């Protein structure tokens, strides 16, 4: 099995008929422009290191690990457990803030407000 380049995989998925059917704005030109910008700015993480045990929901650990490893500015979940990490007073919350002091965990609406000026 050969490895697929990340942008090629995303291009393949975005061109699925059921994805294109989501919106009339999903044209090949717009998809191409989006992918060009995304792939230019993206950080490819080839080996993801585990950084934080998240016993409340172990399925969320890869997202936390990815955000920390990539040095992301934002983690944008809808999940209340993840959203509480920045304000949680537990040992887990303190450990998260120590590992990722600059990582902002915000809701999608808060994220859109934060980046609307860019």
PDB file of N, CA and C in Angstrom:
ATOM      1  N   UNK A   1       0.847  -1.175   0.000  1.00  0.00           N
ATOM      2  CA  UNK A   1       0.000   0.000   0.000  1.00  0.00           C
ATOM      3  C   UNK A   1       0.893   1.239   0.000  1.00  0.00           C
ATOM      4  N   UNK A   2       0.704   2.112  -0.934  1.00  0.00           N
ATOM      5  CA  UNK A   2       1.527   3.307  -1.006  1.00  0.00           C
ATOM      6  C   UNK A   2       0.883   4.436  -0.212  1.00  0.00           C
ATOM      7  N   UNK A   3       1.733   5.289   0.316  1.00  0.00           N
ATOM      8  CA  UNK A   3       1.232   6.426   1.092  1.00  0.00           C
ATOM      9  C   UNK A   3       0.671   7.478   0.147  1.00  0.00           C
ATOM     10  N   UNK A   4      -0.424   8.086   0.558  1.00  0.00           N
ATOM     11  CA  UNK A   4      -1.048   9.151  -0.213  1.00  0.00           C
ATOM     12  C   UNK A   4      -0.625  10.467   0.413  1.00  0.00           C
ATOM     13  N   UNK A   5      -0.234  11.424  -0.412  1.00  0.00           N
ATOM     14  CA  UNK A   5       0.125  12.734   0.122  1.00  0.00           C
ATOM     15  C   UNK A   5      -1.115  13.355   0.741  1.00  0.00           C
ATOM     16  N   UNK A   6      -0.952  14.052   1.877  1.00  0.00           N
ATOM     17  CA  UNK A   6      -2.120  14.580   2.589  1.00  0.00           C
ATOM     18  C   UNK A   6      -3.022  15.459   1.736  1.00  0.00           C
ATOM     19  N   UNK A   7      -2.472  16.352   0.939  1.00  0.00           N
ATOM     20  CA  UNK A   7      -3.327  17.219   0.132  1.00  0.00           C
ATOM     21  C   UNK A   7      -4.020  16.434  -0.974  1.00  0.00           C
ATOM     22  N   UNK A   8      -3.370  15.411  -1.487  1.00  0.00           N
ATOM     23  CA  UNK A   8      -4.002  14.575  -2.506  1.00  0.00           C
ATOM     24  C   UNK A   8      -5.183  13.817  -1.913  1.00  0.00           C
ATOM     25  N   UNK A   9      -5.027  13.334  -0.685  1.00  0.00           N
ATOM     26  CA  UNK A   9      -6.122  12.629  -0.012  1.00  0.00           C
ATOM     27  C   UNK A   9      -7.294  13.573   0.230  1.00  0.00           C
ATOM     28  N   UNK A  10      -7.017  14.769   0.690  1.00  0.00           N
ATOM     29  CA  UNK A  10      -8.084  15.739   0.930  1.00  0.00           C
ATOM     30  C   UNK A  10      -8.757  16.128  -0.384  1.00  0.00           C
ATOM     31  N   UNK A  11      -7.995  16.301  -1.440  1.00  0.00           N
ATOM     32  CA  UNK A  11      -8.571  16.617  -2.756  1.00  0.00           C
ATOM     33  C   UNK A  11      -9.521  15.499  -3.195  1.00  0.00           C
ATOM     34  N   UNK A  12      -9.107  14.256  -2.988  1.00  0.00           N
ATOM     35  CA  UNK A  12      -9.938  13.105  -3.366  1.00  0.00           C
ATOM     36  C   UNK A  12     -11.261  13.142  -2.597  1.00  0.00           C
ATOM     37  N   UNK A  13     -11.183  13.372  -1.286  1.00  0.00           N
ATOM     38  CA  UNK A  13     -12.389  13.385  -0.455  1.00  0.00           C
ATOM     39  C   UNK A  13     -13.292  14.565  -0.808  1.00  0.00           C
ATOM     40  N   UNK A  14     -12.709  15.738  -0.998  1.00  0.00           N
ATOM     41  CA  UNK A  14     -13.524  16.913  -1.317  1.00  0.00           C
ATOM     42  C   UNK A  14     -14.210  16.796  -2.672  1.00  0.00           C
ATOM     43  N   UNK A  15     -13.747  15.902  -3.502  1.00  0.00           N
ATOM     44  CA  UNK A  15     -14.375  15.705  -4.807  1.00  0.00           C
ATOM     45  C   UNK A  15     -15.384  14.561  -4.831  1.00  0.00           C
ATOM     46  N   UNK A  16     -15.652  13.959  -3.674  1.00  0.00           N
ATOM     47  CA  UNK A  16     -16.724  12.957  -3.616  1.00  0.00           C
ATOM     48  C   UNK A  16     -18.031  13.651  -3.986  1.00  0.00           C
ATOM     49  N   UNK A  17     -18.884  13.008  -4.769  1.00  0.00           N
ATOM     50  CA  UNK A  17     -20.164  13.618  -5.141  1.00  0.00           C
ATOM     51  C   UNK A  17     -20.999  14.051  -3.931  1.00  0.00           C
ATOM     52  N   UNK A  18     -20.993  13.245  -2.863  1.00  0.00           N
ATOM     53  CA  UNK A  18     -21.801  13.611  -1.690  1.00  0.00           C
ATOM     54  C   UNK A  18     -21.235  14.823  -0.954  1.00  0.00           C
ATOM     55  N   UNK A  19     -19.937  15.073  -1.073  1.00  0.00           N
ATOM     56  CA  UNK A  19     -19.350  16.273  -0.475  1.00  0.00           C
ATOM     57  C   UNK A  19     -19.663  17.487  -1.349  1.00  0.00           C
ATOM     58  N   UNK A  20     -19.498  17.349  -2.638  1.00  0.00           N
ATOM     59  CA  UNK A  20     -19.801  18.456  -3.553  1.00  0.00           C
ATOM     60  C   UNK A  20     -21.276  18.839  -3.468  1.00  0.00           C
ATOM     61  N   UNK A  21     -22.149  17.858  -3.200  1.00  0.00           N
ATOM     62  CA  UNK A  21     -23.582  18.126  -3.112  1.00  0.00           C
ATOM     63  C   UNK A  21     -23.959  18.969  -1.886  1.00  0.00           C
ATOM     64  N   UNK A  22     -23.050  19.121  -0.944  1.00  0.00           N
ATOM     65  CA  UNK A  22     -23.347  19.898   0.264  1.00  0.00           C
ATOM     66  C   UNK A  22     -23.646  21.347  -0.075  1.00  0.00           C
ATOM     67  N   UNK A  23     -22.932  21.884  -1.062  1.00  0.00           N
ATOM     68  CA  UNK A  23     -23.116  23.300  -1.386  1.00  0.00           C
ATOM     69  C   UNK A  23     -22.819  23.554  -2.854  1.00  0.00           C
ATOM     70  N   UNK A  24     -23.569  24.460  -3.433  1.00  0.00           N
ATOM     71  CA  UNK A  24     -23.311  24.860  -4.821  1.00  0.00           C
ATOM     72  C   UNK A  24     -21.985  25.602  -4.937  1.00  0.00           C
ATOM     73  N   UNK A  25     -21.463  26.090  -3.812  1.00  0.00           N
ATOM     74  CA  UNK A  25     -20.172  26.789  -3.805  1.00  0.00           C
ATOM     75  C   UNK A  25     -18.983  25.837  -3.884  1.00  0.00           C
ATOM     76  N   UNK A  26     -19.231  24.535  -3.783  1.00  0.00           N
ATOM     77  CA  UNK A  26     -18.149  23.553  -3.836  1.00  0.00           C
ATOM     78  C   UNK A  26     -17.818  23.240  -5.296  1.00  0.00           C
ATOM     79  N   UNK A  27     -17.233  24.209  -5.958  1.00  0.00           N
ATOM     80  CA  UNK A  27     -16.846  24.015  -7.358  1.00  0.00           C
ATOM     81  C   UNK A  27     -15.410  23.517  -7.417  1.00  0.00           C
ATOM     82  N   UNK A  28     -15.018  22.869  -8.508  1.00  0.00           N
ATOM     83  CA  UNK A  28     -13.622  22.432  -8.634  1.00  0.00           C
ATOM     84  C   UNK A  28     -12.627  23.590  -8.482  1.00  0.00           C
ATOM     85  N   UNK A  29     -12.996  24.769  -8.972  1.00  0.00           N
ATOM     86  CA  UNK A  29     -12.099  25.929  -8.864  1.00  0.00           C
ATOM     87  C   UNK A  29     -11.921  26.352  -7.412  1.00  0.00           C
ATOM     88  N   UNK A  30     -13.012  26.401  -6.669  1.00  0.00           N
ATOM     89  CA  UNK A  30     -12.943  26.804  -5.259  1.00  0.00           C
ATOM     90  C   UNK A  30     -12.227  25.753  -4.428  1.00  0.00           C
ATOM     91  N   UNK A  31     -12.493  24.498  -4.709  1.00  0.00           N
ATOM     92  CA  UNK A  31     -11.798  23.423  -3.999  1.00  0.00           C
ATOM     93  C   UNK A  31     -10.299  23.522  -4.273  1.00  0.00           C
ATOM     94  N   UNK A  32      -9.926  23.731  -5.529  1.00  0.00           N
ATOM     95  CA  UNK A  32      -8.515  23.858  -5.889  1.00  0.00           C
ATOM     96  C   UNK A  32      -7.847  25.035  -5.191  1.00  0.00           C
ATOM     97  N   UNK A  33      -8.530  26.181  -5.159  1.00  0.00           N
ATOM     98  CA  UNK A  33      -7.971  27.364  -4.506  1.00  0.00           C
ATOM     99  C   UNK A  33      -7.832  27.131  -3.003  1.00  0.00           C
ATOM    100  N   UNK A  34      -8.836  26.510  -2.390  1.00  0.00           N
ATOM    101  CA  UNK A  34      -8.780  26.200  -0.965  1.00  0.00           C
ATOM    102  C   UNK A  34      -7.599  25.281  -0.660  1.00  0.00           C
ATOM    103  N   UNK A  35      -7.469  24.217  -1.450  1.00  0.00           N
ATOM    104  CA  UNK A  35      -6.384  23.267  -1.209  1.00  0.00           C
ATOM    105  C   UNK A  35      -5.012  23.896  -1.418  1.00  0.00           C
ATOM    106  N   UNK A  36      -4.901  24.758  -2.404  1.00  0.00           N
ATOM    107  CA  UNK A  36      -3.624  25.429  -2.643  1.00  0.00           C
ATOM    108  C   UNK A  36      -3.230  26.261  -1.423  1.00  0.00           C
ATOM    109  N   UNK A  37      -4.158  27.034  -0.888  1.00  0.00           N
ATOM    110  CA  UNK A  37      -3.870  27.852   0.307  1.00  0.00           C
ATOM    111  C   UNK A  37      -3.592  26.972   1.514  1.00  0.00           C
ATOM    112  N   UNK A  38      -4.412  25.950   1.697  1.00  0.00           N
ATOM    113  CA  UNK A  38      -4.257  25.063   2.845  1.00  0.00           C
ATOM    114  C   UNK A  38      -2.918  24.340   2.817  1.00  0.00           C
ATOM    115  N   UNK A  39      -2.580  23.755   1.691  1.00  0.00           N
ATOM    116  CA  UNK A  39      -1.350  22.973   1.601  1.00  0.00           C
ATOM    117  C   UNK A  39      -0.108  23.849   1.693  1.00  0.00           C
ATOM    118  N   UNK A  40      -0.219  25.103   1.307  1.00  0.00           N
ATOM    119  CA  UNK A  40       0.896  26.036   1.452  1.00  0.00           C
ATOM    120  C   UNK A  40       1.134  26.339   2.925  1.00  0.00           C
ATOM    121  N   UNK A  41       0.051  26.481   3.694  1.00  0.00           N
ATOM    122  CA  UNK A  41       0.159  26.887   5.101  1.00  0.00           C
ATOM    123  C   UNK A  41       0.208  25.716   6.075  1.00  0.00           C
ATOM    124  N   UNK A  42      -0.108  24.533   5.624  1.00  0.00           N
ATOM    125  CA  UNK A  42      -0.234  23.376   6.521  1.00  0.00           C
ATOM    126  C   UNK A  42       1.115  22.926   7.075  1.00  0.00           C
ATOM    127  N   UNK A  43       1.027  22.304   8.242  1.00  0.00           N
ATOM    128  CA  UNK A  43       2.180  21.659   8.858  1.00  0.00           C
ATOM    129  C   UNK A  43       1.910  20.164   8.835  1.00  0.00           C
ATOM    130  N   UNK A  44       2.774  19.422   8.183  1.00  0.00           N
ATOM    131  CA  UNK A  44       2.606  17.977   8.098  1.00  0.00           C
ATOM    132  C   UNK A  44       3.315  17.331   9.291  1.00  0.00           C
ATOM    133  N   UNK A  45       2.568  16.580  10.070  1.00  0.00           N
ATOM    134  CA  UNK A  45       3.125  15.857  11.210  1.00  0.00           C
ATOM    135  C   UNK A  45       3.174  14.383  10.809  1.00  0.00           C
ATOM    136  N   UNK A  46       4.356  13.878  10.617  1.00  0.00           N
ATOM    137  CA  UNK A  46       4.494  12.484  10.169  1.00  0.00           C
ATOM    138  C   UNK A  46       4.401  11.491  11.323  1.00  0.00           C
ATOM    139  N   UNK A  47       4.929  11.857  12.450  1.00  0.00           N
ATOM    140  CA  UNK A  47       4.887  10.963  13.612  1.00  0.00           C
ATOM    141  C   UNK A  47       4.302  11.748  14.776  1.00  0.00           C
ATOM    142  N   UNK A  48       3.135  11.335  15.187  1.00  0.00           N
ATOM    143  CA  UNK A  48       2.443  12.032  16.259  1.00  0.00           C
ATOM    144  C   UNK A  48       2.818  11.408  17.593  1.00  0.00           C
ATOM    145  N   UNK A  49       3.379  12.206  18.453  1.00  0.00           N
ATOM    146  CA  UNK A  49       3.795  11.748  19.770  1.00  0.00           C
ATOM    147  C   UNK A  49       2.647  11.951  20.756  1.00  0.00           C
ATOM    148  N   UNK A  50       2.415  10.960  21.601  1.00  0.00           N
ATOM    149  CA  UNK A  50       1.372  11.081  22.617  1.00  0.00           C
ATOM    150  C   UNK A  50       1.864  12.023  23.709  1.00  0.00           C
ATOM    151  N   UNK A  51       1.073  13.035  24.019  1.00  0.00           N
ATOM    152  CA  UNK A  51       1.511  14.040  24.985  1.00  0.00           C
ATOM    153  C   UNK A  51       0.652  14.106  26.237  1.00  0.00           C
ATOM    154  N   UNK A  52      -0.620  13.723  26.165  1.00  0.00           N
ATOM    155  CA  UNK A  52      -1.511  13.896  27.312  1.00  0.00           C
ATOM    156  C   UNK A  52      -2.547  12.784  27.358  1.00  0.00           C
ATOM    157  N   UNK A  53      -2.634  12.118  28.497  1.00  0.00           N
ATOM    158  CA  UNK A  53      -3.715  11.159  28.717  1.00  0.00           C
ATOM    159  C   UNK A  53      -4.973  11.953  29.049  1.00  0.00           C
ATOM    160  N   UNK A  54      -6.067  11.616  28.398  1.00  0.00           N
ATOM    161  CA  UNK A  54      -7.335  12.314  28.605  1.00  0.00           C
ATOM    162  C   UNK A  54      -8.391  11.275  28.984  1.00  0.00           C
ATOM    163  N   UNK A  55      -8.404  10.855  30.258  1.00  0.00           N
ATOM    164  CA  UNK A  55      -9.280   9.747  30.658  1.00  0.00           C
ATOM    165  C   UNK A  55     -10.771  10.025  30.486  1.00  0.00           C
ATOM    166  N   UNK A  56     -11.178  11.298  30.460  1.00  0.00           N
ATOM    167  CA  UNK A  56     -12.604  11.612  30.264  1.00  0.00           C
ATOM    168  C   UNK A  56     -13.100  11.116  28.922  1.00  0.00           C
ATOM    169  N   UNK A  57     -12.214  11.161  27.917  1.00  0.00           N
ATOM    170  CA  UNK A  57     -12.577  10.675  26.582  1.00  0.00           C
ATOM    171  C   UNK A  57     -11.298  10.361  25.814  1.00  0.00           C
ATOM    172  N   UNK A  58     -10.774   9.150  25.976  1.00  0.00           N
ATOM    173  CA  UNK A  58      -9.521   8.783  25.301  1.00  0.00           C
ATOM    174  C   UNK A  58      -9.562   8.964  23.780  1.00  0.00           C
ATOM    175  N   UNK A  59     -10.751   8.932  23.177  1.00  0.00           N
ATOM    176  CA  UNK A  59     -10.849   9.133  21.728  1.00  0.00           C
ATOM    177  C   UNK A  59     -10.457  10.558  21.334  1.00  0.00           C
ATOM    178  N   UNK A  60     -10.463  11.489  22.282  1.00  0.00           N
ATOM    179  CA  UNK A  60     -10.061  12.873  22.003  1.00  0.00           C
ATOM    180  C   UNK A  60      -8.554  13.085  22.103  1.00  0.00           C
ATOM    181  N   UNK A  61      -7.831  12.122  22.645  1.00  0.00           N
ATOM    182  CA  UNK A  61      -6.385  12.280  22.841  1.00  0.00           C
ATOM    183  C   UNK A  61      -5.624  12.618  21.562  1.00  0.00           C
ATOM    184  N   UNK A  62      -5.927  11.979  20.409  1.00  0.00           N
ATOM    185  CA  UNK A  62      -5.171  12.326  19.200  1.00  0.00           C
ATOM    186  C   UNK A  62      -5.313  13.794  18.797  1.00  0.00           C
ATOM    187  N   UNK A  63      -6.468  14.399  19.053  1.00  0.00           N
ATOM    188  CA  UNK A  63      -6.664  15.808  18.705  1.00  0.00           C
ATOM    189  C   UNK A  63      -5.829  16.708  19.616  1.00  0.00           C
ATOM    190  N   UNK A  64      -5.788  16.365  20.895  1.00  0.00           N
ATOM    191  CA  UNK A  64      -4.959  17.106  21.838  1.00  0.00           C
ATOM    192  C   UNK A  64      -3.486  16.947  21.459  1.00  0.00           C
ATOM    193  N   UNK A  65      -3.083  15.699  21.218  1.00  0.00           N
ATOM    194  CA  UNK A  65      -1.693  15.424  20.847  1.00  0.00           C
ATOM    195  C   UNK A  65      -1.294  16.183  19.587  1.00  0.00           C
ATOM    196  N   UNK A  66      -2.158  16.187  18.591  1.00  0.00           N
ATOM    197  CA  UNK A  66      -1.859  16.871  17.340  1.00  0.00           C
ATOM    198  C   UNK A  66      -1.717  18.379  17.552  1.00  0.00           C
ATOM    199  N   UNK A  67      -2.645  18.969  18.284  1.00  0.00           N
ATOM    200  CA  UNK A  67      -2.587  20.412  18.526  1.00  0.00           C
ATOM    201  C   UNK A  67      -1.310  20.793  19.264  1.00  0.00           C
ATOM    202  N   UNK A  68      -0.939  20.009  20.277  1.00  0.00           N
ATOM    203  CA  UNK A  68       0.282  20.304  21.041  1.00  0.00           C
ATOM    204  C   UNK A  68       1.514  20.087  20.181  1.00  0.00           C
ATOM    205  N   UNK A  69       1.596  18.960  19.496  1.00  0.00           N
ATOM    206  CA  UNK A  69       2.771  18.643  18.673  1.00  0.00           C
ATOM    207  C   UNK A  69       2.968  19.658  17.553  1.00  0.00           C
ATOM    208  N   UNK A  70       1.875  20.087  16.942  1.00  0.00           N
ATOM    209  CA  UNK A  70       1.969  21.034  15.827  1.00  0.00           C
ATOM    210  C   UNK A  70       2.209  22.468  16.301  1.00  0.00           C
ATOM    211  N   UNK A  71       2.070  22.702  17.598  1.00  0.00           N
ATOM    212  CA  UNK A  71       2.208  24.068  18.084  1.00  0.00           C
ATOM    213  C   UNK A  71       1.054  24.931  17.611  1.00  0.00           C
ATOM    214  N   UNK A  72      -0.130  24.328  17.547  1.00  0.00           N
ATOM    215  CA  UNK A  72      -1.315  25.036  17.048  1.00  0.00           C
ATOM    216  C   UNK A  72      -1.655  26.218  17.952  1.00  0.00           C
ATOM    217  N   UNK A  73      -2.252  27.219  17.357  1.00  0.00           N
ATOM    218  CA  UNK A  73      -2.750  28.367  18.117  1.00  0.00           C
ATOM    219  C   UNK A  73      -4.119  28.063  18.703  1.00  0.00           C
ATOM    220  N   UNK A  74      -4.897  27.244  17.991  1.00  0.00           N
ATOM    221  CA  UNK A  74      -6.272  26.963  18.392  1.00  0.00           C
ATOM    222  C   UNK A  74      -6.583  25.480  18.293  1.00  0.00           C
ATOM    223  N   UNK A  75      -7.393  25.009  19.223  1.00  0.00           N
ATOM    224  CA  UNK A  75      -8.071  23.725  19.140  1.00  0.00           C
ATOM    225  C   UNK A  75      -9.549  24.087  19.187  1.00  0.00           C
ATOM    226  N   UNK A  76     -10.313  23.667  18.169  1.00  0.00           N
ATOM    227  CA  UNK A  76     -11.682  24.166  18.001  1.00  0.00           C
ATOM    228  C   UNK A  76     -12.667  22.994  18.061  1.00  0.00           C
ATOM    229  N   UNK A  77     -13.004  22.566  19.275  1.00  0.00           N
ATOM    230  CA  UNK A  77     -13.975  21.480  19.414  1.00  0.00           C
ATOM    231  C   UNK A  77     -15.367  21.996  19.762  1.00  0.00           C
ATOM    232  N   UNK A  78     -16.335  21.124  19.651  1.00  0.00           N
ATOM    233  CA  UNK A  78     -17.665  21.380  20.209  1.00  0.00           C
ATOM    234  C   UNK A  78     -17.814  20.624  21.532  1.00  0.00           C
ATOM    235  N   UNK A  79     -16.927  19.688  21.751  1.00  0.00           N
ATOM    236  CA  UNK A  79     -16.941  18.805  22.914  1.00  0.00           C
ATOM    237  C   UNK A  79     -16.705  19.593  24.210  1.00  0.00           C
ATOM    238  N   UNK A  80     -17.627  19.479  25.171  1.00  0.00           N
ATOM    239  CA  UNK A  80     -17.530  20.244  26.419  1.00  0.00           C
ATOM    240  C   UNK A  80     -16.326  19.847  27.257  1.00  0.00           C
ATOM    241  N   UNK A  81     -15.957  18.560  27.228  1.00  0.00           N
ATOM    242  CA  UNK A  81     -14.766  18.140  27.982  1.00  0.00           C
ATOM    243  C   UNK A  81     -13.516  18.819  27.445  1.00  0.00           C
ATOM    244  N   UNK A  82     -13.381  18.867  26.140  1.00  0.00           N
ATOM    245  CA  UNK A  82     -12.216  19.542  25.558  1.00  0.00           C
ATOM    246  C   UNK A  82     -12.270  21.046  25.804  1.00  0.00           C
ATOM    247  N   UNK A  83     -13.438  21.625  25.668  1.00  0.00           N
ATOM    248  CA  UNK A  83     -13.573  23.066  25.882  1.00  0.00           C
ATOM    249  C   UNK A  83     -13.213  23.471  27.310  1.00  0.00           C
ATOM    250  N   UNK A  84     -13.389  22.569  28.253  1.00  0.00           N
ATOM    251  CA  UNK A  84     -13.114  22.900  29.648  1.00  0.00           C
ATOM    252  C   UNK A  84     -11.627  22.825  30.002  1.00  0.00           C
ATOM    253  N   UNK A  85     -10.802  22.317  29.130  1.00  0.00           N
ATOM    254  CA  UNK A  85      -9.380  22.138  29.462  1.00  0.00           C
ATOM    255  C   UNK A  85      -8.680  23.438  29.866  1.00  0.00           C
ATOM    256  N   UNK A  86      -9.011  24.550  29.245  1.00  0.00           N
ATOM    257  CA  UNK A  86      -8.333  25.826  29.551  1.00  0.00           C
ATOM    258  C   UNK A  86      -8.713  26.355  30.924  1.00  0.00           C
ATOM    259  N   UNK A  87      -9.890  25.989  31.423  1.00  0.00           N
ATOM    260  CA  UNK A  87     -10.366  26.557  32.681  1.00  0.00           C
ATOM    261  C   UNK A  87     -10.474  25.531  33.801  1.00  0.00           C
ATOM    262  N   UNK A  88     -10.267  24.269  33.479  1.00  0.00           N
ATOM    263  CA  UNK A  88     -10.389  23.181  34.450  1.00  0.00           C
ATOM    264  C   UNK A  88      -9.337  23.347  35.553  1.00  0.00           C
ATOM    265  N   UNK A  89      -9.762  23.245  36.802  1.00  0.00           N
ATOM    266  CA  UNK A  89      -8.847  23.403  37.937  1.00  0.00           C
ATOM    267  C   UNK A  89      -8.270  22.074  38.411  1.00  0.00           C
ATOM    268  N   UNK A  90      -8.551  20.999  37.699  1.00  0.00           N
ATOM    269  CA  UNK A  90      -8.041  19.683  38.076  1.00  0.00           C
ATOM    270  C   UNK A  90      -6.567  19.565  37.694  1.00  0.00           C
ATOM    271  N   UNK A  91      -5.946  18.493  38.155  1.00  0.00           N
ATOM    272  CA  UNK A  91      -4.553  18.214  37.784  1.00  0.00           C
ATOM    273  C   UNK A  91      -4.428  18.081  36.269  1.00  0.00           C
ATOM    274  N   UNK A  92      -5.437  17.491  35.625  1.00  0.00           N
ATOM    275  CA  UNK A  92      -5.421  17.343  34.170  1.00  0.00           C
ATOM    276  C   UNK A  92      -5.425  18.696  33.479  1.00  0.00           C
ATOM    277  N   UNK A  93      -6.276  19.599  33.933  1.00  0.00           N
ATOM    278  CA  UNK A  93      -6.325  20.942  33.353  1.00  0.00           C
ATOM    279  C   UNK A  93      -5.002  21.673  33.527  1.00  0.00           C
ATOM    280  N   UNK A  94      -4.413  21.567  34.711  1.00  0.00           N
ATOM    281  CA  UNK A  94      -3.110  22.218  34.955  1.00  0.00           C
ATOM    282  C   UNK A  94      -2.022  21.608  34.070  1.00  0.00           C
ATOM    283  N   UNK A  95      -2.046  20.274  33.917  1.00  0.00           N
ATOM    284  CA  UNK A  95      -1.059  19.612  33.059  1.00  0.00           C
ATOM    285  C   UNK A  95      -1.215  20.076  31.606  1.00  0.00           C
ATOM    286  N   UNK A  96      -2.450  20.162  31.134  1.00  0.00           N
ATOM    287  CA  UNK A  96      -2.692  20.627  29.768  1.00  0.00           C
ATOM    288  C   UNK A  96      -2.136  22.039  29.577  1.00  0.00           C
ATOM    289  N   UNK A  97      -2.441  22.936  30.499  1.00  0.00           N
ATOM    290  CA  UNK A  97      -1.978  24.329  30.376  1.00  0.00           C
ATOM    291  C   UNK A  97      -0.459  24.423  30.461  1.00  0.00           C
ATOM    292  N   UNK A  98       0.172  23.532  31.221  1.00  0.00           N
ATOM    293  CA  UNK A  98       1.635  23.505  31.292  1.00  0.00           C
ATOM    294  C   UNK A  98       2.236  23.021  29.964  1.00  0.00           C
ATOM    295  N   UNK A  99       1.603  22.015  29.356  1.00  0.00           N
ATOM    296  CA  UNK A  99       2.092  21.479  28.084  1.00  0.00           C
ATOM    297  C   UNK A  99       1.853  22.425  26.915  1.00  0.00           C
ATOM    298  N   UNK A 100       0.764  23.178  26.974  1.00  0.00           N
ATOM    299  CA  UNK A 100       0.377  24.032  25.843  1.00  0.00           C
ATOM    300  C   UNK A 100      -0.121  25.383  26.357  1.00  0.00           C
ATOM    301  N   UNK A 101       0.774  26.189  26.905  1.00  0.00           N
ATOM    302  CA  UNK A 101       0.320  27.444  27.515  1.00  0.00           C
ATOM    303  C   UNK A 101      -0.338  28.417  26.541  1.00  0.00           C
ATOM    304  N   UNK A 102       0.033  28.381  25.282  1.00  0.00           N
ATOM    305  CA  UNK A 102      -0.515  29.338  24.315  1.00  0.00           C
ATOM    306  C   UNK A 102      -1.692  28.777  23.518  1.00  0.00           C
ATOM    307  N   UNK A 103      -1.966  27.481  23.646  1.00  0.00           N
ATOM    308  CA  UNK A 103      -3.039  26.852  22.872  1.00  0.00           C
ATOM    309  C   UNK A 103      -4.400  27.293  23.402  1.00  0.00           C
ATOM    310  N   UNK A 104      -5.166  27.917  22.549  1.00  0.00           N
ATOM    311  CA  UNK A 104      -6.509  28.353  22.921  1.00  0.00           C
ATOM    312  C   UNK A 104      -7.511  27.280  22.502  1.00  0.00           C
ATOM    313  N   UNK A 105      -8.337  26.860  23.451  1.00  0.00           N
ATOM    314  CA  UNK A 105      -9.383  25.874  23.180  1.00  0.00           C
ATOM    315  C   UNK A 105     -10.694  26.644  23.185  1.00  0.00           C
ATOM    316  N   UNK A 106     -11.283  26.775  21.994  1.00  0.00           N
ATOM    317  CA  UNK A 106     -12.465  27.627  21.846  1.00  0.00           C
ATOM    318  C   UNK A 106     -13.522  26.933  20.994  1.00  0.00           C
ATOM    319  N   UNK A 107     -14.745  27.353  21.173  1.00  0.00           N
ATOM    320  CA  UNK A 107     -15.851  26.828  20.367  1.00  0.00           C
ATOM    321  C   UNK A 107     -15.718  27.339  18.933  1.00  0.00           C
ATOM    322  N   UNK A 108     -16.390  26.682  17.987  1.00  0.00           N
ATOM    323  CA  UNK A 108     -16.335  27.172  16.607  1.00  0.00           C
ATOM    324  C   UNK A 108     -16.787  28.629  16.473  1.00  0.00           C
ATOM    325  N   UNK A 109     -17.827  29.022  17.206  1.00  0.00           N
ATOM    326  CA  UNK A 109     -18.286  30.412  17.127  1.00  0.00           C
ATOM    327  C   UNK A 109     -17.231  31.380  17.652  1.00  0.00           C
ATOM    328  N   UNK A 110     -16.601  31.022  18.775  1.00  0.00           N
ATOM    329  CA  UNK A 110     -15.552  31.879  19.326  1.00  0.00           C
ATOM    330  C   UNK A 110     -14.352  31.955  18.394  1.00  0.00           C
ATOM    331  N   UNK A 111     -14.051  30.832  17.740  1.00  0.00           N
ATOM    332  CA  UNK A 111     -12.949  30.825  16.790  1.00  0.00           C
ATOM    333  C   UNK A 111     -13.227  31.769  15.619  1.00  0.00           C
ATOM    334  N   UNK A 112     -14.435  31.686  15.082  1.00  0.00           N
ATOM    335  CA  UNK A 112     -14.789  32.567  13.958  1.00  0.00           C
ATOM    336  C   UNK A 112     -14.716  34.021  14.377  1.00  0.00           C
ATOM    337  N   UNK A 113     -15.150  34.338  15.591  1.00  0.00           N
ATOM    338  CA  UNK A 113     -15.038  35.713  16.090  1.00  0.00           C
ATOM    339  C   UNK A 113     -13.570  36.124  16.198  1.00  0.00           C
ATOM    340  N   UNK A 114     -12.725  35.214  16.685  1.00  0.00           N
ATOM    341  CA  UNK A 114     -11.310  35.515  16.903  1.00  0.00           C
ATOM    342  C   UNK A 114     -10.565  35.757  15.593  1.00  0.00           C
ATOM    343  N   UNK A 115     -10.918  35.033  14.548  1.00  0.00           N
ATOM    344  CA  UNK A 115     -10.165  35.156  13.294  1.00  0.00           C
ATOM    345  C   UNK A 115     -10.880  35.986  12.241  1.00  0.00           C
ATOM    346  N   UNK A 116     -12.006  36.560  12.570  1.00  0.00           N
ATOM    347  CA  UNK A 116     -12.771  37.299  11.572  1.00  0.00           C
ATOM    348  C   UNK A 116     -12.014  38.521  11.041  1.00  0.00           C
ATOM    349  N   UNK A 117     -11.076  39.035  11.793  1.00  0.00           N
ATOM    350  CA  UNK A 117     -10.322  40.198  11.340  1.00  0.00           C
ATOM    351  C   UNK A 117      -9.126  39.875  10.475  1.00  0.00           C
ATOM    352  N   UNK A 118      -8.834  38.588  10.286  1.00  0.00           N
ATOM    353  CA  UNK A 118      -7.652  38.198   9.492  1.00  0.00           C
ATOM    354  C   UNK A 118      -7.938  38.277   8.020  1.00  0.00           C
TER     355      UNK A 118
END
